[in-house]
Amino acid sequence: MSEEERLDIVEGTDEDGNRLLLTVEKYFFYNGDEYVLLKEYQEKAQPAPPEERETLYVMRVAVSRDEEGEEIEDFEPVEEELAQRLIPVIRARWQGGEGQEG
């Protein structure tokens, strides 16, 4: 199975109500809660121009169950203050070569 076939793609909306397709980049834990790092989905893996930075999103993972009892992951936005505390954690784990399951 190719890497692209294994990508988790999530559909959401931005602050202005525009449709966003996001890929799951990394799951990680912080203070006992699970979080996910997402970035905008691109059809083909093209690096962003050096002057253009990719927008990344950090969300808390909340698990619920559907009517059949199957687990569903819901991604909840985090407050800006928490997102700022998580940035160094993400950088340290990602750049440190830690695996996908942080």
N, C-alpha and C. Protein backbone atom coordinates (compact mmCIF):
# COMPACT_ATOMS: atom_id res chain seq x y z
N MET A 1 0.85 -1.18 0.00
CA MET A 1 0.00 0.00 0.00
C MET A 1 0.89 1.24 0.00
N SER A 2 0.60 2.20 -0.87
CA SER A 2 1.43 3.39 -0.96
C SER A 2 1.18 4.31 0.24
N GLU A 3 2.12 5.22 0.47
CA GLU A 3 2.00 6.18 1.57
C GLU A 3 0.72 6.99 1.43
N GLU A 4 0.39 7.43 0.21
CA GLU A 4 -0.79 8.27 0.00
C GLU A 4 -2.07 7.51 0.33
N GLU A 5 -2.11 6.20 0.06
CA GLU A 5 -3.30 5.42 0.36
C GLU A 5 -3.53 5.31 1.86
N ARG A 6 -2.45 5.44 2.66
CA ARG A 6 -2.56 5.32 4.11
C ARG A 6 -2.87 6.65 4.79
N LEU A 7 -2.85 7.74 4.08
CA LEU A 7 -3.10 9.05 4.69
C LEU A 7 -4.52 9.15 5.20
N ASP A 8 -4.66 9.73 6.37
CA ASP A 8 -5.97 10.07 6.89
C ASP A 8 -6.27 11.48 6.41
N ILE A 9 -7.38 11.63 5.70
CA ILE A 9 -7.79 12.94 5.21
C ILE A 9 -9.07 13.33 5.93
N VAL A 10 -9.08 14.54 6.47
CA VAL A 10 -10.19 15.05 7.25
C VAL A 10 -10.74 16.28 6.55
N GLU A 11 -12.06 16.38 6.49
CA GLU A 11 -12.68 17.57 5.92
C GLU A 11 -13.16 18.46 7.05
N GLY A 12 -12.88 19.75 6.94
CA GLY A 12 -13.30 20.70 7.95
C GLY A 12 -13.55 22.06 7.31
N THR A 13 -13.72 23.06 8.15
CA THR A 13 -13.91 24.43 7.66
C THR A 13 -13.00 25.36 8.44
N ASP A 14 -12.60 26.46 7.79
CA ASP A 14 -11.78 27.46 8.47
C ASP A 14 -12.67 28.48 9.17
N GLU A 15 -12.05 29.53 9.73
CA GLU A 15 -12.79 30.55 10.47
C GLU A 15 -13.84 31.25 9.62
N ASP A 16 -13.60 31.30 8.30
CA ASP A 16 -14.52 31.99 7.40
C ASP A 16 -15.56 31.06 6.79
N GLY A 17 -15.55 29.78 7.19
CA GLY A 17 -16.53 28.83 6.67
C GLY A 17 -16.10 28.17 5.37
N ASN A 18 -14.87 28.40 4.92
CA ASN A 18 -14.37 27.77 3.70
C ASN A 18 -14.01 26.31 3.96
N ARG A 19 -14.26 25.45 2.98
CA ARG A 19 -13.96 24.02 3.10
C ARG A 19 -12.45 23.80 3.10
N LEU A 20 -11.97 22.94 4.01
CA LEU A 20 -10.57 22.58 4.10
C LEU A 20 -10.43 21.07 4.07
N LEU A 21 -9.46 20.58 3.32
CA LEU A 21 -9.08 19.17 3.40
C LEU A 21 -7.74 19.13 4.11
N LEU A 22 -7.67 18.35 5.18
CA LEU A 22 -6.48 18.29 6.00
C LEU A 22 -5.98 16.86 6.09
N THR A 23 -4.65 16.70 6.18
CA THR A 23 -4.08 15.38 6.39
C THR A 23 -3.56 15.29 7.82
N VAL A 24 -3.70 14.12 8.37
CA VAL A 24 -3.18 13.85 9.71
C VAL A 24 -1.68 13.64 9.58
N GLU A 25 -0.91 14.48 10.24
CA GLU A 25 0.54 14.39 10.19
C GLU A 25 1.10 13.59 11.35
N LYS A 26 0.53 13.80 12.55
CA LYS A 26 1.11 13.17 13.74
C LYS A 26 0.11 13.21 14.89
N TYR A 27 0.02 12.11 15.61
CA TYR A 27 -0.72 12.06 16.87
C TYR A 27 0.32 12.13 17.99
N PHE A 28 -0.02 12.78 19.09
CA PHE A 28 0.89 12.84 20.23
C PHE A 28 0.10 13.11 21.51
N PHE A 29 0.73 12.81 22.63
CA PHE A 29 0.11 13.03 23.94
C PHE A 29 0.81 14.18 24.65
N TYR A 30 0.01 14.94 25.40
CA TYR A 30 0.53 16.04 26.21
C TYR A 30 -0.35 16.13 27.45
N ASN A 31 0.24 16.04 28.62
CA ASN A 31 -0.48 16.12 29.90
C ASN A 31 -1.70 15.19 29.93
N GLY A 32 -1.53 13.99 29.40
CA GLY A 32 -2.59 12.98 29.48
C GLY A 32 -3.67 13.07 28.41
N ASP A 33 -3.63 14.10 27.58
CA ASP A 33 -4.61 14.22 26.49
C ASP A 33 -3.96 13.91 25.16
N GLU A 34 -4.74 13.39 24.23
CA GLU A 34 -4.22 13.10 22.90
C GLU A 34 -4.53 14.27 21.97
N TYR A 35 -3.54 14.61 21.14
CA TYR A 35 -3.67 15.70 20.18
C TYR A 35 -3.26 15.20 18.80
N VAL A 36 -3.64 15.97 17.80
CA VAL A 36 -3.28 15.63 16.43
C VAL A 36 -2.77 16.89 15.74
N LEU A 37 -1.75 16.70 14.90
CA LEU A 37 -1.21 17.78 14.08
C LEU A 37 -1.71 17.55 12.67
N LEU A 38 -2.37 18.56 12.10
CA LEU A 38 -2.95 18.47 10.76
C LEU A 38 -2.34 19.53 9.86
N LYS A 39 -2.30 19.25 8.55
CA LYS A 39 -1.90 20.29 7.59
C LYS A 39 -2.79 20.16 6.37
N GLU A 40 -2.81 21.24 5.57
CA GLU A 40 -3.66 21.23 4.38
C GLU A 40 -3.24 20.14 3.42
N TYR A 41 -4.22 19.44 2.88
CA TYR A 41 -3.97 18.36 1.93
C TYR A 41 -3.61 18.94 0.57
N GLN A 42 -2.60 18.35 -0.05
CA GLN A 42 -2.21 18.72 -1.41
C GLN A 42 -2.26 17.46 -2.25
N GLU A 43 -2.87 17.55 -3.45
CA GLU A 43 -2.99 16.40 -4.34
C GLU A 43 -1.65 15.71 -4.55
N LYS A 44 -0.65 16.45 -4.93
CA LYS A 44 0.68 15.91 -5.17
C LYS A 44 1.62 16.54 -4.17
N ALA A 45 2.54 15.73 -3.68
CA ALA A 45 3.49 16.23 -2.68
C ALA A 45 4.44 17.24 -3.32
N GLN A 46 4.06 18.50 -3.26
CA GLN A 46 4.90 19.58 -3.77
C GLN A 46 5.33 20.44 -2.58
N PRO A 47 6.61 20.60 -2.41
CA PRO A 47 7.05 21.45 -1.29
C PRO A 47 6.58 22.89 -1.48
N ALA A 48 6.23 23.50 -0.38
CA ALA A 48 5.81 24.90 -0.44
C ALA A 48 7.02 25.76 -0.77
N PRO A 49 6.82 26.83 -1.54
CA PRO A 49 7.93 27.74 -1.82
C PRO A 49 8.54 28.24 -0.51
N PRO A 50 9.85 28.51 -0.49
CA PRO A 50 10.51 28.91 0.76
C PRO A 50 9.86 30.11 1.44
N GLU A 51 9.33 31.04 0.65
CA GLU A 51 8.73 32.24 1.25
C GLU A 51 7.32 31.97 1.78
N GLU A 52 6.75 30.82 1.45
CA GLU A 52 5.39 30.49 1.88
C GLU A 52 5.43 29.36 2.90
N ARG A 53 4.92 29.62 4.09
CA ARG A 53 4.92 28.61 5.15
C ARG A 53 3.61 27.84 5.13
N GLU A 54 3.69 26.56 5.42
CA GLU A 54 2.49 25.75 5.50
C GLU A 54 1.73 26.09 6.78
N THR A 55 0.41 26.04 6.69
CA THR A 55 -0.40 26.26 7.87
C THR A 55 -0.65 24.91 8.52
N LEU A 56 -0.32 24.82 9.80
CA LEU A 56 -0.55 23.61 10.56
C LEU A 56 -1.63 23.87 11.60
N TYR A 57 -2.38 22.84 11.93
CA TYR A 57 -3.47 22.94 12.90
C TYR A 57 -3.24 21.91 13.99
N VAL A 58 -3.42 22.31 15.24
CA VAL A 58 -3.33 21.39 16.37
C VAL A 58 -4.74 21.27 16.95
N MET A 59 -5.19 20.03 17.12
CA MET A 59 -6.52 19.80 17.69
C MET A 59 -6.44 18.69 18.73
N ARG A 60 -7.35 18.76 19.69
CA ARG A 60 -7.46 17.70 20.70
C ARG A 60 -8.30 16.58 20.12
N VAL A 61 -7.91 15.34 20.42
CA VAL A 61 -8.65 14.18 19.95
C VAL A 61 -9.63 13.76 21.04
N ALA A 62 -10.91 13.74 20.69
CA ALA A 62 -11.95 13.28 21.61
C ALA A 62 -12.58 12.04 20.98
N VAL A 63 -12.67 10.97 21.74
CA VAL A 63 -13.21 9.73 21.21
C VAL A 63 -14.64 9.57 21.71
N SER A 64 -15.53 9.29 20.79
CA SER A 64 -16.93 9.02 21.14
C SER A 64 -17.34 7.72 20.43
N ARG A 65 -18.56 7.31 20.61
CA ARG A 65 -19.06 6.08 19.97
C ARG A 65 -20.31 6.41 19.16
N ASP A 66 -20.41 5.76 17.99
CA ASP A 66 -21.59 5.95 17.16
C ASP A 66 -22.70 5.01 17.63
N GLU A 67 -23.81 4.98 16.92
CA GLU A 67 -24.97 4.18 17.31
C GLU A 67 -24.68 2.68 17.36
N GLU A 68 -23.71 2.23 16.56
CA GLU A 68 -23.35 0.81 16.56
C GLU A 68 -22.25 0.49 17.57
N GLY A 69 -21.79 1.48 18.31
CA GLY A 69 -20.76 1.26 19.31
C GLY A 69 -19.34 1.39 18.79
N GLU A 70 -19.18 1.78 17.52
CA GLU A 70 -17.85 1.97 16.94
C GLU A 70 -17.25 3.29 17.44
N GLU A 71 -15.94 3.26 17.71
CA GLU A 71 -15.26 4.48 18.15
C GLU A 71 -15.12 5.47 17.00
N ILE A 72 -15.35 6.73 17.31
CA ILE A 72 -15.20 7.82 16.35
C ILE A 72 -14.26 8.84 16.96
N GLU A 73 -13.28 9.30 16.18
CA GLU A 73 -12.39 10.36 16.64
C GLU A 73 -12.96 11.70 16.20
N ASP A 74 -13.15 12.58 17.16
CA ASP A 74 -13.56 13.94 16.87
C ASP A 74 -12.37 14.84 17.16
N PHE A 75 -12.11 15.79 16.28
CA PHE A 75 -11.01 16.73 16.47
C PHE A 75 -11.59 18.05 16.94
N GLU A 76 -11.17 18.47 18.13
CA GLU A 76 -11.68 19.71 18.72
C GLU A 76 -10.58 20.77 18.71
N PRO A 77 -10.90 21.97 18.27
CA PRO A 77 -9.90 23.04 18.27
C PRO A 77 -9.41 23.31 19.70
N VAL A 78 -8.16 23.72 19.81
CA VAL A 78 -7.60 24.08 21.11
C VAL A 78 -7.47 25.59 21.17
N GLU A 79 -7.46 26.11 22.39
CA GLU A 79 -7.29 27.55 22.57
C GLU A 79 -5.89 27.95 22.14
N GLU A 80 -5.75 29.18 21.71
CA GLU A 80 -4.48 29.69 21.20
C GLU A 80 -3.36 29.55 22.23
N GLU A 81 -3.67 29.81 23.49
CA GLU A 81 -2.66 29.70 24.55
C GLU A 81 -2.10 28.28 24.64
N LEU A 82 -2.98 27.27 24.58
CA LEU A 82 -2.54 25.88 24.61
C LEU A 82 -1.76 25.53 23.35
N ALA A 83 -2.23 26.00 22.21
CA ALA A 83 -1.52 25.73 20.94
C ALA A 83 -0.09 26.27 21.03
N GLN A 84 0.11 27.43 21.62
CA GLN A 84 1.44 28.00 21.76
C GLN A 84 2.33 27.16 22.68
N ARG A 85 1.74 26.54 23.71
CA ARG A 85 2.52 25.65 24.59
C ARG A 85 2.86 24.34 23.89
N LEU A 86 2.01 23.91 22.95
CA LEU A 86 2.22 22.63 22.27
C LEU A 86 3.28 22.72 21.17
N ILE A 87 3.50 23.90 20.62
CA ILE A 87 4.44 24.06 19.50
C ILE A 87 5.83 23.51 19.85
N PRO A 88 6.42 23.88 21.00
CA PRO A 88 7.75 23.31 21.32
C PRO A 88 7.71 21.79 21.49
N VAL A 89 6.61 21.26 22.02
CA VAL A 89 6.47 19.82 22.20
C VAL A 89 6.48 19.13 20.84
N ILE A 90 5.72 19.68 19.91
CA ILE A 90 5.64 19.11 18.56
C ILE A 90 7.00 19.16 17.89
N ARG A 91 7.65 20.30 17.96
CA ARG A 91 8.97 20.45 17.32
C ARG A 91 9.97 19.46 17.89
N ALA A 92 10.00 19.34 19.21
CA ALA A 92 10.96 18.44 19.86
C ALA A 92 10.72 16.99 19.45
N ARG A 93 9.47 16.58 19.42
CA ARG A 93 9.17 15.19 19.07
C ARG A 93 9.36 14.92 17.59
N TRP A 94 8.94 15.86 16.76
CA TRP A 94 9.02 15.65 15.32
C TRP A 94 10.48 15.68 14.86
N GLN A 95 11.22 16.68 15.29
CA GLN A 95 12.61 16.81 14.87
C GLN A 95 13.51 15.79 15.56
N GLY A 96 13.04 15.25 16.68
CA GLY A 96 13.82 14.25 17.40
C GLY A 96 13.74 12.88 16.78
N GLY A 97 12.96 12.74 15.69
CA GLY A 97 12.87 11.47 14.98
C GLY A 97 11.94 10.47 15.64
N GLU A 98 11.08 10.92 16.54
CA GLU A 98 10.15 10.01 17.19
C GLU A 98 9.16 9.50 16.15
N GLY A 99 8.63 8.32 16.35
CA GLY A 99 7.71 7.69 15.40
C GLY A 99 6.39 8.41 15.30
N GLN A 100 5.52 7.94 14.44
CA GLN A 100 4.21 8.54 14.20
C GLN A 100 3.37 8.64 15.46
N GLU A 101 3.43 7.66 16.33
CA GLU A 101 2.65 7.69 17.56
C GLU A 101 3.48 8.32 18.65
N GLY A 102 3.38 9.68 18.81
CA GLY A 102 4.19 10.42 19.75
C GLY A 102 3.94 10.04 21.11
